[in-house]
Amino acid sequence: MSHFSHHVFFCTNQRAEGEACCNNHGANDMRAYAKDRVKALGDKLPGRIRINAAGCLDRCEQGPVMVIYPEAVWYTYIDKEDIDEIIDQHLVQGRIVERLQVA
C-alpha cells in the first residue's frame, strides 16, 4: 500500500507578464485552500491525501489545472466551490467530477 491514497498536484507555475499560466488564476491560493480543507476533513477521507504544488503541467490553455493520482484525472476549476466539489466527490466519494474534468 502506498503511503498516500492520493496525490493532488496543482499547477502553480508563473510565466512572464502577459503569458497564460495557472498562477494568473489564483492557483497558489486554491492549492492552499485545498490543503486546509483536506486537513480539516481528517478522518472523513479514505486514506492520507497529499496536496502538492507543481511547476508547469503543460496544459496552460486549459488552466488553471490540477491532476489527481493514482487515477490520473485532470481538472480545471474557477473558485473554492469547484475545489470543494472535487474534494467531496473525487477524494471523499471516489467519483469523477465530469463537469470539471479536462480531457
PDB file of N, CA and C in Angstrom:
ATOM      1  N   MET A   1       0.832  -1.182   0.000  1.00  0.00           N
ATOM      2  CA  MET A   1       0.000   0.000   0.000  1.00  0.00           C
ATOM      3  C   MET A   1       0.881   1.251   0.000  1.00  0.00           C
ATOM      4  N   SER A   2       0.472   2.227  -0.747  1.00  0.00           N
ATOM      5  CA  SER A   2       1.191   3.490  -0.844  1.00  0.00           C
ATOM      6  C   SER A   2       1.025   4.290   0.455  1.00  0.00           C
ATOM      7  N   HIS A   3       1.985   5.129   0.724  1.00  0.00           N
ATOM      8  CA  HIS A   3       1.921   5.993   1.910  1.00  0.00           C
ATOM      9  C   HIS A   3       0.719   6.937   1.839  1.00  0.00           C
ATOM     10  N   PHE A   4       0.398   7.399   0.632  1.00  0.00           N
ATOM     11  CA  PHE A   4      -0.754   8.275   0.413  1.00  0.00           C
ATOM     12  C   PHE A   4      -1.747   7.569  -0.505  1.00  0.00           C
ATOM     13  N   SER A   5      -3.019   7.764  -0.243  1.00  0.00           N
ATOM     14  CA  SER A   5      -4.029   7.191  -1.140  1.00  0.00           C
ATOM     15  C   SER A   5      -4.158   8.024  -2.406  1.00  0.00           C
ATOM     16  N   HIS A   6      -3.922   9.336  -2.295  1.00  0.00           N
ATOM     17  CA  HIS A   6      -3.998  10.238  -3.444  1.00  0.00           C
ATOM     18  C   HIS A   6      -2.932  11.328  -3.335  1.00  0.00           C
ATOM     19  N   HIS A   7      -2.429  11.694  -4.489  1.00  0.00           N
ATOM     20  CA  HIS A   7      -1.568  12.873  -4.624  1.00  0.00           C
ATOM     21  C   HIS A   7      -2.322  13.844  -5.526  1.00  0.00           C
ATOM     22  N   VAL A   8      -2.463  15.071  -5.069  1.00  0.00           N
ATOM     23  CA  VAL A   8      -3.147  16.105  -5.842  1.00  0.00           C
ATOM     24  C   VAL A   8      -2.105  17.170  -6.186  1.00  0.00           C
ATOM     25  N   PHE A   9      -1.876  17.353  -7.477  1.00  0.00           N
ATOM     26  CA  PHE A   9      -0.892  18.326  -7.941  1.00  0.00           C
ATOM     27  C   PHE A   9      -1.596  19.516  -8.571  1.00  0.00           C
ATOM     28  N   PHE A  10      -1.353  20.694  -7.998  1.00  0.00           N
ATOM     29  CA  PHE A  10      -1.857  21.951  -8.545  1.00  0.00           C
ATOM     30  C   PHE A  10      -0.740  22.601  -9.330  1.00  0.00           C
ATOM     31  N   CYS A  11      -0.971  22.894 -10.608  1.00  0.00           N
ATOM     32  CA  CYS A  11      -0.007  23.687 -11.350  1.00  0.00           C
ATOM     33  C   CYS A  11      -0.029  25.087 -10.748  1.00  0.00           C
ATOM     34  N   THR A  12       1.124  25.537 -10.277  1.00  0.00           N
ATOM     35  CA  THR A  12       1.238  26.883  -9.695  1.00  0.00           C
ATOM     36  C   THR A  12       2.283  27.699 -10.452  1.00  0.00           C
ATOM     37  N   ASN A  13       2.511  27.317 -11.686  1.00  0.00           N
ATOM     38  CA  ASN A  13       3.524  27.976 -12.494  1.00  0.00           C
ATOM     39  C   ASN A  13       3.181  29.444 -12.746  1.00  0.00           C
ATOM     40  N   GLN A  14       4.212  30.277 -12.695  1.00  0.00           N
ATOM     41  CA  GLN A  14       4.070  31.696 -13.016  1.00  0.00           C
ATOM     42  C   GLN A  14       4.953  32.004 -14.204  1.00  0.00           C
ATOM     43  N   ARG A  15       4.346  32.392 -15.310  1.00  0.00           N
ATOM     44  CA  ARG A  15       5.100  32.758 -16.510  1.00  0.00           C
ATOM     45  C   ARG A  15       5.316  34.270 -16.546  1.00  0.00           C
ATOM     46  N   ALA A  16       6.056  34.700 -17.540  1.00  0.00           N
ATOM     47  CA  ALA A  16       6.323  36.127 -17.720  1.00  0.00           C
ATOM     48  C   ALA A  16       5.019  36.884 -17.957  1.00  0.00           C
ATOM     49  N   GLU A  17       5.044  38.149 -17.665  1.00  0.00           N
ATOM     50  CA  GLU A  17       3.888  39.035 -17.840  1.00  0.00           C
ATOM     51  C   GLU A  17       3.260  38.851 -19.217  1.00  0.00           C
ATOM     52  N   GLY A  18       1.952  38.651 -19.223  1.00  0.00           N
ATOM     53  CA  GLY A  18       1.213  38.530 -20.467  1.00  0.00           C
ATOM     54  C   GLY A  18       1.073  37.118 -21.004  1.00  0.00           C
ATOM     55  N   GLU A  19       1.823  36.165 -20.455  1.00  0.00           N
ATOM     56  CA  GLU A  19       1.728  34.776 -20.905  1.00  0.00           C
ATOM     57  C   GLU A  19       0.734  34.019 -20.033  1.00  0.00           C
ATOM     58  N   ALA A  20      -0.043  33.132 -20.654  1.00  0.00           N
ATOM     59  CA  ALA A  20      -1.025  32.331 -19.922  1.00  0.00           C
ATOM     60  C   ALA A  20      -0.317  31.395 -18.951  1.00  0.00           C
ATOM     61  N   CYS A  21      -0.845  31.341 -17.729  1.00  0.00           N
ATOM     62  CA  CYS A  21      -0.321  30.395 -16.742  1.00  0.00           C
ATOM     63  C   CYS A  21      -1.348  30.221 -15.628  1.00  0.00           C
ATOM     64  N   CYS A  22      -1.246  29.111 -14.943  1.00  0.00           N
ATOM     65  CA  CYS A  22      -2.224  28.781 -13.905  1.00  0.00           C
ATOM     66  C   CYS A  22      -2.195  29.755 -12.729  1.00  0.00           C
ATOM     67  N   ASN A  23      -1.020  30.236 -12.379  1.00  0.00           N
ATOM     68  CA  ASN A  23      -0.967  31.126 -11.217  1.00  0.00           C
ATOM     69  C   ASN A  23      -1.666  32.457 -11.469  1.00  0.00           C
ATOM     70  N   ASN A  24      -1.857  32.836 -12.735  1.00  0.00           N
ATOM     71  CA  ASN A  24      -2.639  34.043 -13.029  1.00  0.00           C
ATOM     72  C   ASN A  24      -4.101  33.872 -12.633  1.00  0.00           C
ATOM     73  N   HIS A  25      -4.514  32.636 -12.382  1.00  0.00           N
ATOM     74  CA  HIS A  25      -5.895  32.332 -11.984  1.00  0.00           C
ATOM     75  C   HIS A  25      -5.988  31.991 -10.496  1.00  0.00           C
ATOM     76  N   GLY A  26      -4.997  32.356  -9.718  1.00  0.00           N
ATOM     77  CA  GLY A  26      -5.034  32.124  -8.276  1.00  0.00           C
ATOM     78  C   GLY A  26      -4.712  30.707  -7.846  1.00  0.00           C
ATOM     79  N   ALA A  27      -3.901  30.004  -8.613  1.00  0.00           N
ATOM     80  CA  ALA A  27      -3.596  28.603  -8.322  1.00  0.00           C
ATOM     81  C   ALA A  27      -2.959  28.402  -6.950  1.00  0.00           C
ATOM     82  N   ASN A  28      -2.046  29.277  -6.552  1.00  0.00           N
ATOM     83  CA  ASN A  28      -1.426  29.130  -5.227  1.00  0.00           C
ATOM     84  C   ASN A  28      -2.448  29.239  -4.116  1.00  0.00           C
ATOM     85  N   ASP A  29      -3.361  30.183  -4.246  1.00  0.00           N
ATOM     86  CA  ASP A  29      -4.400  30.349  -3.228  1.00  0.00           C
ATOM     87  C   ASP A  29      -5.345  29.152  -3.197  1.00  0.00           C
ATOM     88  N   MET A  30      -5.695  28.619  -4.353  1.00  0.00           N
ATOM     89  CA  MET A  30      -6.587  27.460  -4.402  1.00  0.00           C
ATOM     90  C   MET A  30      -5.906  26.211  -3.854  1.00  0.00           C
ATOM     91  N   ARG A  31      -4.607  26.076  -4.087  1.00  0.00           N
ATOM     92  CA  ARG A  31      -3.862  24.953  -3.517  1.00  0.00           C
ATOM     93  C   ARG A  31      -3.843  25.052  -1.995  1.00  0.00           C
ATOM     94  N   ALA A  32      -3.594  26.235  -1.479  1.00  0.00           N
ATOM     95  CA  ALA A  32      -3.587  26.432  -0.026  1.00  0.00           C
ATOM     96  C   ALA A  32      -4.968  26.138   0.565  1.00  0.00           C
ATOM     97  N   TYR A  33      -6.007  26.577  -0.129  1.00  0.00           N
ATOM     98  CA  TYR A  33      -7.372  26.309   0.323  1.00  0.00           C
ATOM     99  C   TYR A  33      -7.637  24.797   0.361  1.00  0.00           C
ATOM    100  N   ALA A  34      -7.247  24.088  -0.702  1.00  0.00           N
ATOM    101  CA  ALA A  34      -7.455  22.637  -0.766  1.00  0.00           C
ATOM    102  C   ALA A  34      -6.684  21.932   0.347  1.00  0.00           C
ATOM    103  N   LYS A  35      -5.477  22.373   0.597  1.00  0.00           N
ATOM    104  CA  LYS A  35      -4.656  21.777   1.651  1.00  0.00           C
ATOM    105  C   LYS A  35      -5.331  21.938   3.010  1.00  0.00           C
ATOM    106  N   ASP A  36      -5.826  23.125   3.290  1.00  0.00           N
ATOM    107  CA  ASP A  36      -6.521  23.377   4.555  1.00  0.00           C
ATOM    108  C   ASP A  36      -7.801  22.561   4.656  1.00  0.00           C
ATOM    109  N   ARG A  37      -8.525  22.476   3.563  1.00  0.00           N
ATOM    110  CA  ARG A  37      -9.798  21.729   3.559  1.00  0.00           C
ATOM    111  C   ARG A  37      -9.574  20.245   3.784  1.00  0.00           C
ATOM    112  N   VAL A  38      -8.565  19.673   3.121  1.00  0.00           N
ATOM    113  CA  VAL A  38      -8.246  18.253   3.299  1.00  0.00           C
ATOM    114  C   VAL A  38      -7.805  17.994   4.742  1.00  0.00           C
ATOM    115  N   LYS A  39      -7.009  18.884   5.279  1.00  0.00           N
ATOM    116  CA  LYS A  39      -6.563  18.736   6.673  1.00  0.00           C
ATOM    117  C   LYS A  39      -7.765  18.773   7.619  1.00  0.00           C
ATOM    118  N   ALA A  40      -8.700  19.668   7.371  1.00  0.00           N
ATOM    119  CA  ALA A  40      -9.883  19.792   8.226  1.00  0.00           C
ATOM    120  C   ALA A  40     -10.782  18.554   8.142  1.00  0.00           C
ATOM    121  N   LEU A  41     -10.828  17.905   6.992  1.00  0.00           N
ATOM    122  CA  LEU A  41     -11.670  16.719   6.827  1.00  0.00           C
ATOM    123  C   LEU A  41     -11.116  15.514   7.588  1.00  0.00           C
ATOM    124  N   GLY A  42      -9.814  15.448   7.731  1.00  0.00           N
ATOM    125  CA  GLY A  42      -9.165  14.411   8.522  1.00  0.00           C
ATOM    126  C   GLY A  42      -9.674  13.006   8.287  1.00  0.00           C
ATOM    127  N   ASP A  43     -10.302  12.421   9.305  1.00  0.00           N
ATOM    128  CA  ASP A  43     -10.739  11.025   9.275  1.00  0.00           C
ATOM    129  C   ASP A  43     -11.876  10.751   8.299  1.00  0.00           C
ATOM    130  N   LYS A  44     -12.502  11.767   7.771  1.00  0.00           N
ATOM    131  CA  LYS A  44     -13.575  11.561   6.795  1.00  0.00           C
ATOM    132  C   LYS A  44     -13.028  11.151   5.435  1.00  0.00           C
ATOM    133  N   LEU A  45     -11.725  11.275   5.263  1.00  0.00           N
ATOM    134  CA  LEU A  45     -11.082  10.930   3.992  1.00  0.00           C
ATOM    135  C   LEU A  45     -10.665   9.467   3.991  1.00  0.00           C
ATOM    136  N   PRO A  46     -10.775   8.823   2.838  1.00  0.00           N
ATOM    137  CA  PRO A  46     -10.394   7.415   2.735  1.00  0.00           C
ATOM    138  C   PRO A  46      -8.888   7.243   2.528  1.00  0.00           C
ATOM    139  N   GLY A  47      -8.100   7.533   3.528  1.00  0.00           N
ATOM    140  CA  GLY A  47      -6.646   7.434   3.427  1.00  0.00           C
ATOM    141  C   GLY A  47      -6.002   8.807   3.487  1.00  0.00           C
ATOM    142  N   ARG A  48      -4.685   8.800   3.481  1.00  0.00           N
ATOM    143  CA  ARG A  48      -3.934  10.056   3.534  1.00  0.00           C
ATOM    144  C   ARG A  48      -3.871  10.670   2.150  1.00  0.00           C
ATOM    145  N   ILE A  49      -4.045  11.976   2.097  1.00  0.00           N
ATOM    146  CA  ILE A  49      -4.037  12.706   0.831  1.00  0.00           C
ATOM    147  C   ILE A  49      -2.989  13.798   0.914  1.00  0.00           C
ATOM    148  N   ARG A  50      -2.198  13.899  -0.126  1.00  0.00           N
ATOM    149  CA  ARG A  50      -1.145  14.903  -0.187  1.00  0.00           C
ATOM    150  C   ARG A  50      -1.498  15.941  -1.244  1.00  0.00           C
ATOM    151  N   ILE A  51      -1.549  17.207  -0.840  1.00  0.00           N
ATOM    152  CA  ILE A  51      -1.787  18.316  -1.761  1.00  0.00           C
ATOM    153  C   ILE A  51      -0.425  18.940  -2.076  1.00  0.00           C
ATOM    154  N   ASN A  52      -0.065  18.948  -3.357  1.00  0.00           N
ATOM    155  CA  ASN A  52       1.252  19.409  -3.782  1.00  0.00           C
ATOM    156  C   ASN A  52       1.160  20.573  -4.761  1.00  0.00           C
ATOM    157  N   ALA A  53       2.181  21.416  -4.720  1.00  0.00           N
ATOM    158  CA  ALA A  53       2.365  22.436  -5.751  1.00  0.00           C
ATOM    159  C   ALA A  53       3.251  21.820  -6.827  1.00  0.00           C
ATOM    160  N   ALA A  54       2.957  22.136  -8.063  1.00  0.00           N
ATOM    161  CA  ALA A  54       3.769  21.647  -9.177  1.00  0.00           C
ATOM    162  C   ALA A  54       4.154  22.825 -10.056  1.00  0.00           C
ATOM    163  N   GLY A  55       5.248  22.665 -10.758  1.00  0.00           N
ATOM    164  CA  GLY A  55       5.607  23.617 -11.789  1.00  0.00           C
ATOM    165  C   GLY A  55       4.658  23.428 -12.964  1.00  0.00           C
ATOM    166  N   CYS A  56       5.044  23.904 -14.102  1.00  0.00           N
ATOM    167  CA  CYS A  56       4.175  23.834 -15.272  1.00  0.00           C
ATOM    168  C   CYS A  56       3.799  22.396 -15.599  1.00  0.00           C
ATOM    169  N   LEU A  57       2.498  22.159 -15.724  1.00  0.00           N
ATOM    170  CA  LEU A  57       1.988  20.845 -16.114  1.00  0.00           C
ATOM    171  C   LEU A  57       1.656  20.808 -17.614  1.00  0.00           C
ATOM    172  N   ASP A  58       2.012  21.878 -18.315  1.00  0.00           N
ATOM    173  CA  ASP A  58       1.917  21.961 -19.778  1.00  0.00           C
ATOM    174  C   ASP A  58       0.486  21.852 -20.308  1.00  0.00           C
ATOM    175  N   ARG A  59      -0.459  22.435 -19.566  1.00  0.00           N
ATOM    176  CA  ARG A  59      -1.849  22.486 -20.033  1.00  0.00           C
ATOM    177  C   ARG A  59      -2.375  23.911 -19.848  1.00  0.00           C
ATOM    178  N   CYS A  60      -1.531  24.879 -20.121  1.00  0.00           N
ATOM    179  CA  CYS A  60      -1.827  26.286 -19.867  1.00  0.00           C
ATOM    180  C   CYS A  60      -3.144  26.743 -20.497  1.00  0.00           C
ATOM    181  N   GLU A  61      -3.416  26.254 -21.690  1.00  0.00           N
ATOM    182  CA  GLU A  61      -4.628  26.673 -22.391  1.00  0.00           C
ATOM    183  C   GLU A  61      -5.898  26.192 -21.707  1.00  0.00           C
ATOM    184  N   GLN A  62      -5.795  25.233 -20.796  1.00  0.00           N
ATOM    185  CA  GLN A  62      -6.954  24.696 -20.090  1.00  0.00           C
ATOM    186  C   GLN A  62      -6.943  25.107 -18.622  1.00  0.00           C
ATOM    187  N   GLY A  63      -6.038  25.982 -18.254  1.00  0.00           N
ATOM    188  CA  GLY A  63      -5.812  26.330 -16.860  1.00  0.00           C
ATOM    189  C   GLY A  63      -6.854  27.216 -16.244  1.00  0.00           C
ATOM    190  N   PRO A  64      -6.819  27.240 -14.952  1.00  0.00           N
ATOM    191  CA  PRO A  64      -5.888  26.525 -14.093  1.00  0.00           C
ATOM    192  C   PRO A  64      -6.213  25.037 -14.062  1.00  0.00           C
ATOM    193  N   VAL A  65      -5.172  24.228 -13.833  1.00  0.00           N
ATOM    194  CA  VAL A  65      -5.377  22.789 -13.813  1.00  0.00           C
ATOM    195  C   VAL A  65      -4.772  22.162 -12.563  1.00  0.00           C
ATOM    196  N   MET A  66      -5.321  20.988 -12.256  1.00  0.00           N
ATOM    197  CA  MET A  66      -4.784  20.121 -11.211  1.00  0.00           C
ATOM    198  C   MET A  66      -4.954  18.698 -11.712  1.00  0.00           C
ATOM    199  N   VAL A  67      -4.153  17.779 -11.165  1.00  0.00           N
ATOM    200  CA  VAL A  67      -4.271  16.367 -11.537  1.00  0.00           C
ATOM    201  C   VAL A  67      -4.217  15.538 -10.262  1.00  0.00           C
ATOM    202  N   ILE A  68      -5.062  14.513 -10.217  1.00  0.00           N
ATOM    203  CA  ILE A  68      -5.134  13.640  -9.045  1.00  0.00           C
ATOM    204  C   ILE A  68      -4.653  12.251  -9.431  1.00  0.00           C
ATOM    205  N   TYR A  69      -3.662  11.774  -8.685  1.00  0.00           N
ATOM    206  CA  TYR A  69      -3.141  10.410  -8.857  1.00  0.00           C
ATOM    207  C   TYR A  69      -3.517   9.592  -7.643  1.00  0.00           C
ATOM    208  N   PRO A  70      -3.778   8.287  -7.799  1.00  0.00           N
ATOM    209  CA  PRO A  70      -3.284   7.449  -8.870  1.00  0.00           C
ATOM    210  C   PRO A  70      -4.186   7.370 -10.097  1.00  0.00           C
ATOM    211  N   GLU A  71      -5.356   7.979 -10.074  1.00  0.00           N
ATOM    212  CA  GLU A  71      -6.277   7.853 -11.208  1.00  0.00           C
ATOM    213  C   GLU A  71      -5.851   8.652 -12.433  1.00  0.00           C
ATOM    214  N   ALA A  72      -4.973   9.616 -12.269  1.00  0.00           N
ATOM    215  CA  ALA A  72      -4.521  10.494 -13.358  1.00  0.00           C
ATOM    216  C   ALA A  72      -5.699  11.246 -13.976  1.00  0.00           C
ATOM    217  N   VAL A  73      -6.543  11.802 -13.116  1.00  0.00           N
ATOM    218  CA  VAL A  73      -7.698  12.587 -13.560  1.00  0.00           C
ATOM    219  C   VAL A  73      -7.321  14.060 -13.483  1.00  0.00           C
ATOM    220  N   TRP A  74      -7.500  14.756 -14.602  1.00  0.00           N
ATOM    221  CA  TRP A  74      -7.187  16.179 -14.705  1.00  0.00           C
ATOM    222  C   TRP A  74      -8.455  16.999 -14.517  1.00  0.00           C
ATOM    223  N   TYR A  75      -8.316  18.104 -13.772  1.00  0.00           N
ATOM    224  CA  TYR A  75      -9.437  19.011 -13.538  1.00  0.00           C
ATOM    225  C   TYR A  75      -9.015  20.450 -13.794  1.00  0.00           C
ATOM    226  N   THR A  76     -10.003  21.248 -14.148  1.00  0.00           N
ATOM    227  CA  THR A  76      -9.874  22.694 -14.113  1.00  0.00           C
ATOM    228  C   THR A  76     -10.830  23.183 -13.042  1.00  0.00           C
ATOM    229  N   TYR A  77     -10.700  24.418 -12.630  1.00  0.00           N
ATOM    230  CA  TYR A  77     -11.543  24.966 -11.563  1.00  0.00           C
ATOM    231  C   TYR A  77     -11.576  26.479 -11.694  1.00  0.00           C
ATOM    232  N   ILE A  78     -12.604  27.071 -11.093  1.00  0.00           N
ATOM    233  CA  ILE A  78     -12.739  28.530 -11.110  1.00  0.00           C
ATOM    234  C   ILE A  78     -12.599  29.109  -9.702  1.00  0.00           C
ATOM    235  N   ASP A  79     -13.208  28.439  -8.726  1.00  0.00           N
ATOM    236  CA  ASP A  79     -13.303  29.025  -7.390  1.00  0.00           C
ATOM    237  C   ASP A  79     -13.291  27.945  -6.306  1.00  0.00           C
ATOM    238  N   LYS A  80     -13.445  28.368  -5.067  1.00  0.00           N
ATOM    239  CA  LYS A  80     -13.427  27.444  -3.932  1.00  0.00           C
ATOM    240  C   LYS A  80     -14.557  26.423  -4.000  1.00  0.00           C
ATOM    241  N   GLU A  81     -15.681  26.807  -4.578  1.00  0.00           N
ATOM    242  CA  GLU A  81     -16.793  25.865  -4.714  1.00  0.00           C
ATOM    243  C   GLU A  81     -16.407  24.696  -5.621  1.00  0.00           C
ATOM    244  N   ASP A  82     -15.668  24.984  -6.677  1.00  0.00           N
ATOM    245  CA  ASP A  82     -15.184  23.907  -7.553  1.00  0.00           C
ATOM    246  C   ASP A  82     -14.201  23.008  -6.802  1.00  0.00           C
ATOM    247  N   ILE A  83     -13.309  23.598  -6.038  1.00  0.00           N
ATOM    248  CA  ILE A  83     -12.351  22.814  -5.245  1.00  0.00           C
ATOM    249  C   ILE A  83     -13.108  21.945  -4.246  1.00  0.00           C
ATOM    250  N   ASP A  84     -14.109  22.517  -3.581  1.00  0.00           N
ATOM    251  CA  ASP A  84     -14.922  21.740  -2.639  1.00  0.00           C
ATOM    252  C   ASP A  84     -15.580  20.553  -3.338  1.00  0.00           C
ATOM    253  N   GLU A  85     -16.111  20.779  -4.521  1.00  0.00           N
ATOM    254  CA  GLU A  85     -16.779  19.705  -5.251  1.00  0.00           C
ATOM    255  C   GLU A  85     -15.792  18.599  -5.629  1.00  0.00           C
ATOM    256  N   ILE A  86     -14.606  18.961  -6.047  1.00  0.00           N
ATOM    257  CA  ILE A  86     -13.592  17.961  -6.394  1.00  0.00           C
ATOM    258  C   ILE A  86     -13.192  17.165  -5.156  1.00  0.00           C
ATOM    259  N   ILE A  87     -12.986  17.841  -4.045  1.00  0.00           N
ATOM    260  CA  ILE A  87     -12.625  17.142  -2.808  1.00  0.00           C
ATOM    261  C   ILE A  87     -13.756  16.226  -2.364  1.00  0.00           C
ATOM    262  N   ASP A  88     -14.969  16.757  -2.298  1.00  0.00           N
ATOM    263  CA  ASP A  88     -16.110  15.973  -1.811  1.00  0.00           C
ATOM    264  C   ASP A  88     -16.445  14.798  -2.711  1.00  0.00           C
ATOM    265  N   GLN A  89     -16.430  15.033  -4.018  1.00  0.00           N
ATOM    266  CA  GLN A  89     -16.830  13.976  -4.944  1.00  0.00           C
ATOM    267  C   GLN A  89     -15.683  13.004  -5.242  1.00  0.00           C
ATOM    268  N   HIS A  90     -14.545  13.527  -5.643  1.00  0.00           N
ATOM    269  CA  HIS A  90     -13.450  12.645  -6.073  1.00  0.00           C
ATOM    270  C   HIS A  90     -12.711  12.035  -4.886  1.00  0.00           C
ATOM    271  N   LEU A  91     -12.254  12.865  -3.968  1.00  0.00           N
ATOM    272  CA  LEU A  91     -11.407  12.356  -2.894  1.00  0.00           C
ATOM    273  C   LEU A  91     -12.194  11.638  -1.797  1.00  0.00           C
ATOM    274  N   VAL A  92     -13.373  12.126  -1.469  1.00  0.00           N
ATOM    275  CA  VAL A  92     -14.157  11.501  -0.404  1.00  0.00           C
ATOM    276  C   VAL A  92     -15.004  10.348  -0.942  1.00  0.00           C
ATOM    277  N   GLN A  93     -15.721  10.604  -2.048  1.00  0.00           N
ATOM    278  CA  GLN A  93     -16.672   9.610  -2.534  1.00  0.00           C
ATOM    279  C   GLN A  93     -16.159   8.754  -3.694  1.00  0.00           C
ATOM    280  N   GLY A  94     -15.006   9.101  -4.247  1.00  0.00           N
ATOM    281  CA  GLY A  94     -14.425   8.298  -5.314  1.00  0.00           C
ATOM    282  C   GLY A  94     -15.096   8.440  -6.672  1.00  0.00           C
ATOM    283  N   ARG A  95     -15.782   9.564  -6.889  1.00  0.00           N
ATOM    284  CA  ARG A  95     -16.473   9.797  -8.172  1.00  0.00           C
ATOM    285  C   ARG A  95     -15.825  10.964  -8.910  1.00  0.00           C
ATOM    286  N   ILE A  96     -15.618  10.784 -10.198  1.00  0.00           N
ATOM    287  CA  ILE A  96     -15.033  11.841 -11.029  1.00  0.00           C
ATOM    288  C   ILE A  96     -16.060  12.950 -11.226  1.00  0.00           C
ATOM    289  N   VAL A  97     -15.608  14.183 -11.125  1.00  0.00           N
ATOM    290  CA  VAL A  97     -16.460  15.352 -11.355  1.00  0.00           C
ATOM    291  C   VAL A  97     -16.350  15.682 -12.844  1.00  0.00           C
ATOM    292  N   GLU A  98     -17.242  15.123 -13.620  1.00  0.00           N
ATOM    293  CA  GLU A  98     -17.138  15.224 -15.075  1.00  0.00           C
ATOM    294  C   GLU A  98     -17.202  16.654 -15.587  1.00  0.00           C
ATOM    295  N   ARG A  99     -18.005  17.519 -14.954  1.00  0.00           N
ATOM    296  CA  ARG A  99     -18.143  18.881 -15.469  1.00  0.00           C
ATOM    297  C   ARG A  99     -16.862  19.689 -15.359  1.00  0.00           C
ATOM    298  N   LEU A 100     -15.942  19.276 -14.473  1.00  0.00           N
ATOM    299  CA  LEU A 100     -14.672  19.979 -14.294  1.00  0.00           C
ATOM    300  C   LEU A 100     -13.486  19.213 -14.888  1.00  0.00           C
ATOM    301  N   GLN A 101     -13.745  18.027 -15.384  1.00  0.00           N
ATOM    302  CA  GLN A 101     -12.670  17.191 -15.918  1.00  0.00           C
ATOM    303  C   GLN A 101     -12.132  17.760 -17.222  1.00  0.00           C
ATOM    304  N   VAL A 102     -10.818  17.698 -17.355  1.00  0.00           N
ATOM    305  CA  VAL A 102     -10.121  18.116 -18.565  1.00  0.00           C
ATOM    306  C   VAL A 102      -9.705  16.853 -19.289  1.00  0.00           C
ATOM    307  N   ALA A 103     -10.073  16.767 -20.555  1.00  0.00           N
ATOM    308  CA  ALA A 103      -9.740  15.565 -21.338  1.00  0.00           C
ATOM    309  C   ALA A 103      -8.287  15.558 -21.751  1.00  0.00           C
TER     310      ALA A 103
END
